[in-house]
């Protein structure tokens, strides 16, 4: 079905994205069964969020909450969007 095909694409892209993000020094990726990944950065997320946005990469940051200051939520996108996200994060960090 079209729905299953879409789910399969997200699952594959999520795995690829998680591996790529985890290959960045200091980045930790939580296991996920959703269409997004929780990522822990080696630095505060606020400036990283702003630098990514300036590069056209939009992610969710919860840096206003001290317990989540180094966390970001990255939604799984197309392979091209995921590649751009990883490249931008490598550049920013």
C-alpha atoms as a PDB file:
ATOM      1  CA  UNK A   1       0.000   0.000   0.000  1.00  0.00           C
ATOM      2  CA  UNK A   2       0.996   3.631  -0.371  1.00  0.00           C
ATOM      3  CA  UNK A   3       0.941   4.061   3.400  1.00  0.00           C
ATOM      4  CA  UNK A   4       3.294   1.126   3.981  1.00  0.00           C
ATOM      5  CA  UNK A   5       5.583   2.405   1.243  1.00  0.00           C
ATOM      6  CA  UNK A   6       5.743   5.787   2.974  1.00  0.00           C
ATOM      7  CA  UNK A   7       6.448   4.185   6.345  1.00  0.00           C
ATOM      8  CA  UNK A   8       9.206   2.070   4.797  1.00  0.00           C
ATOM      9  CA  UNK A   9      10.816   5.196   3.280  1.00  0.00           C
ATOM     10  CA  UNK A  10      10.760   7.027   6.635  1.00  0.00           C
ATOM     11  CA  UNK A  11      12.205   4.034   8.487  1.00  0.00           C
ATOM     12  CA  UNK A  12      15.060   3.706   5.976  1.00  0.00           C
ATOM     13  CA  UNK A  13      15.762   7.446   5.944  1.00  0.00           C
ATOM     14  CA  UNK A  14      15.624   7.595   9.761  1.00  0.00           C
ATOM     15  CA  UNK A  15      18.256   4.870  10.036  1.00  0.00           C
ATOM     16  CA  UNK A  16      20.532   6.577   7.516  1.00  0.00           C
ATOM     17  CA  UNK A  17      20.081   9.957   9.208  1.00  0.00           C
ATOM     18  CA  UNK A  18      20.777   8.520  12.666  1.00  0.00           C
ATOM     19  CA  UNK A  19      24.021   6.899  11.468  1.00  0.00           C
ATOM     20  CA  UNK A  20      25.163  10.070   9.711  1.00  0.00           C
ATOM     21  CA  UNK A  21      24.419  12.288  12.715  1.00  0.00           C
ATOM     22  CA  UNK A  22      26.078   9.867  15.140  1.00  0.00           C
ATOM     23  CA  UNK A  23      29.251  10.005  13.032  1.00  0.00           C
ATOM     24  CA  UNK A  24      29.688  13.685  13.992  1.00  0.00           C
ATOM     25  CA  UNK A  25      32.070  14.085  16.951  1.00  0.00           C
ATOM     26  CA  UNK A  26      30.196  14.610  20.212  1.00  0.00           C
ATOM     27  CA  UNK A  27      26.716  14.056  18.776  1.00  0.00           C
ATOM     28  CA  UNK A  28      24.539  11.378  20.382  1.00  0.00           C
ATOM     29  CA  UNK A  29      21.346  10.157  18.749  1.00  0.00           C
ATOM     30  CA  UNK A  30      18.589   8.492  20.768  1.00  0.00           C
ATOM     31  CA  UNK A  31      16.853   5.409  19.390  1.00  0.00           C
ATOM     32  CA  UNK A  32      13.601   6.363  17.688  1.00  0.00           C
ATOM     33  CA  UNK A  33      10.468   4.718  16.326  1.00  0.00           C
ATOM     34  CA  UNK A  34       9.037   8.064  15.200  1.00  0.00           C
ATOM     35  CA  UNK A  35       9.495  10.312  12.169  1.00  0.00           C
ATOM     36  CA  UNK A  36      12.093  12.366  14.058  1.00  0.00           C
ATOM     37  CA  UNK A  37      15.307  11.927  16.025  1.00  0.00           C
ATOM     38  CA  UNK A  38      16.275  13.358  19.409  1.00  0.00           C
ATOM     39  CA  UNK A  39      19.873  14.503  19.196  1.00  0.00           C
ATOM     40  CA  UNK A  40      22.195  15.553  22.009  1.00  0.00           C
ATOM     41  CA  UNK A  41      24.888  18.011  20.962  1.00  0.00           C
ATOM     42  CA  UNK A  42      28.299  18.590  22.525  1.00  0.00           C
ATOM     43  CA  UNK A  43      27.405  22.306  22.866  1.00  0.00           C
ATOM     44  CA  UNK A  44      24.374  24.459  23.661  1.00  0.00           C
ATOM     45  CA  UNK A  45      21.626  23.998  21.063  1.00  0.00           C
ATOM     46  CA  UNK A  46      20.516  27.651  20.812  1.00  0.00           C
ATOM     47  CA  UNK A  47      23.423  28.959  18.718  1.00  0.00           C
ATOM     48  CA  UNK A  48      23.471  25.759  16.652  1.00  0.00           C
ATOM     49  CA  UNK A  49      19.734  26.120  15.961  1.00  0.00           C
ATOM     50  CA  UNK A  50      20.277  29.716  14.792  1.00  0.00           C
ATOM     51  CA  UNK A  51      23.258  28.787  12.606  1.00  0.00           C
ATOM     52  CA  UNK A  52      21.321  25.945  10.983  1.00  0.00           C
ATOM     53  CA  UNK A  53      18.328  28.215  10.344  1.00  0.00           C
ATOM     54  CA  UNK A  54      20.643  30.741   8.681  1.00  0.00           C
ATOM     55  CA  UNK A  55      21.622  27.902   6.312  1.00  0.00           C
ATOM     56  CA  UNK A  56      17.999  27.040   5.575  1.00  0.00           C
ATOM     57  CA  UNK A  57      17.913  23.953   7.807  1.00  0.00           C
ATOM     58  CA  UNK A  58      15.013  24.054  10.245  1.00  0.00           C
ATOM     59  CA  UNK A  59      15.067  21.885  13.359  1.00  0.00           C
ATOM     60  CA  UNK A  60      13.399  22.123  16.753  1.00  0.00           C
ATOM     61  CA  UNK A  61      15.455  23.340  19.670  1.00  0.00           C
ATOM     62  CA  UNK A  62      14.347  23.372  23.286  1.00  0.00           C
ATOM     63  CA  UNK A  63      17.277  25.389  24.641  1.00  0.00           C
ATOM     64  CA  UNK A  64      14.997  27.537  26.835  1.00  0.00           C
ATOM     65  CA  UNK A  65      14.559  24.488  29.074  1.00  0.00           C
ATOM     66  CA  UNK A  66      17.842  23.961  30.980  1.00  0.00           C
ATOM     67  CA  UNK A  67      17.348  20.188  31.055  1.00  0.00           C
ATOM     68  CA  UNK A  68      17.179  20.183  27.233  1.00  0.00           C
ATOM     69  CA  UNK A  69      19.780  22.872  26.547  1.00  0.00           C
ATOM     70  CA  UNK A  70      21.894  20.586  24.353  1.00  0.00           C
ATOM     71  CA  UNK A  71      18.998  18.802  22.657  1.00  0.00           C
ATOM     72  CA  UNK A  72      17.435  19.148  19.230  1.00  0.00           C
ATOM     73  CA  UNK A  73      14.610  17.352  17.469  1.00  0.00           C
ATOM     74  CA  UNK A  74      15.346  16.631  13.823  1.00  0.00           C
ATOM     75  CA  UNK A  75      12.481  15.486  11.623  1.00  0.00           C
ATOM     76  CA  UNK A  76      13.286  12.855   9.015  1.00  0.00           C
ATOM     77  CA  UNK A  77      12.934  14.402   5.572  1.00  0.00           C
ATOM     78  CA  UNK A  78      13.828  13.407   2.066  1.00  0.00           C
ATOM     79  CA  UNK A  79      17.299  11.952   1.479  1.00  0.00           C
ATOM     80  CA  UNK A  80      18.401  15.341   0.114  1.00  0.00           C
ATOM     81  CA  UNK A  81      17.025  17.216   3.137  1.00  0.00           C
ATOM     82  CA  UNK A  82      18.730  14.769   5.490  1.00  0.00           C
ATOM     83  CA  UNK A  83      22.036  15.151   3.635  1.00  0.00           C
ATOM     84  CA  UNK A  84      21.792  18.949   3.818  1.00  0.00           C
ATOM     85  CA  UNK A  85      21.001  18.774   7.544  1.00  0.00           C
ATOM     86  CA  UNK A  86      24.013  16.570   8.296  1.00  0.00           C
ATOM     87  CA  UNK A  87      26.364  18.699   6.192  1.00  0.00           C
ATOM     88  CA  UNK A  88      25.124  21.904   7.847  1.00  0.00           C
ATOM     89  CA  UNK A  89      25.470  20.419  11.331  1.00  0.00           C
ATOM     90  CA  UNK A  90      29.026  19.265  10.571  1.00  0.00           C
ATOM     91  CA  UNK A  91      29.864  22.786   9.397  1.00  0.00           C
ATOM     92  CA  UNK A  92      28.268  24.500  12.394  1.00  0.00           C
ATOM     93  CA  UNK A  93      29.844  22.230  15.000  1.00  0.00           C
END
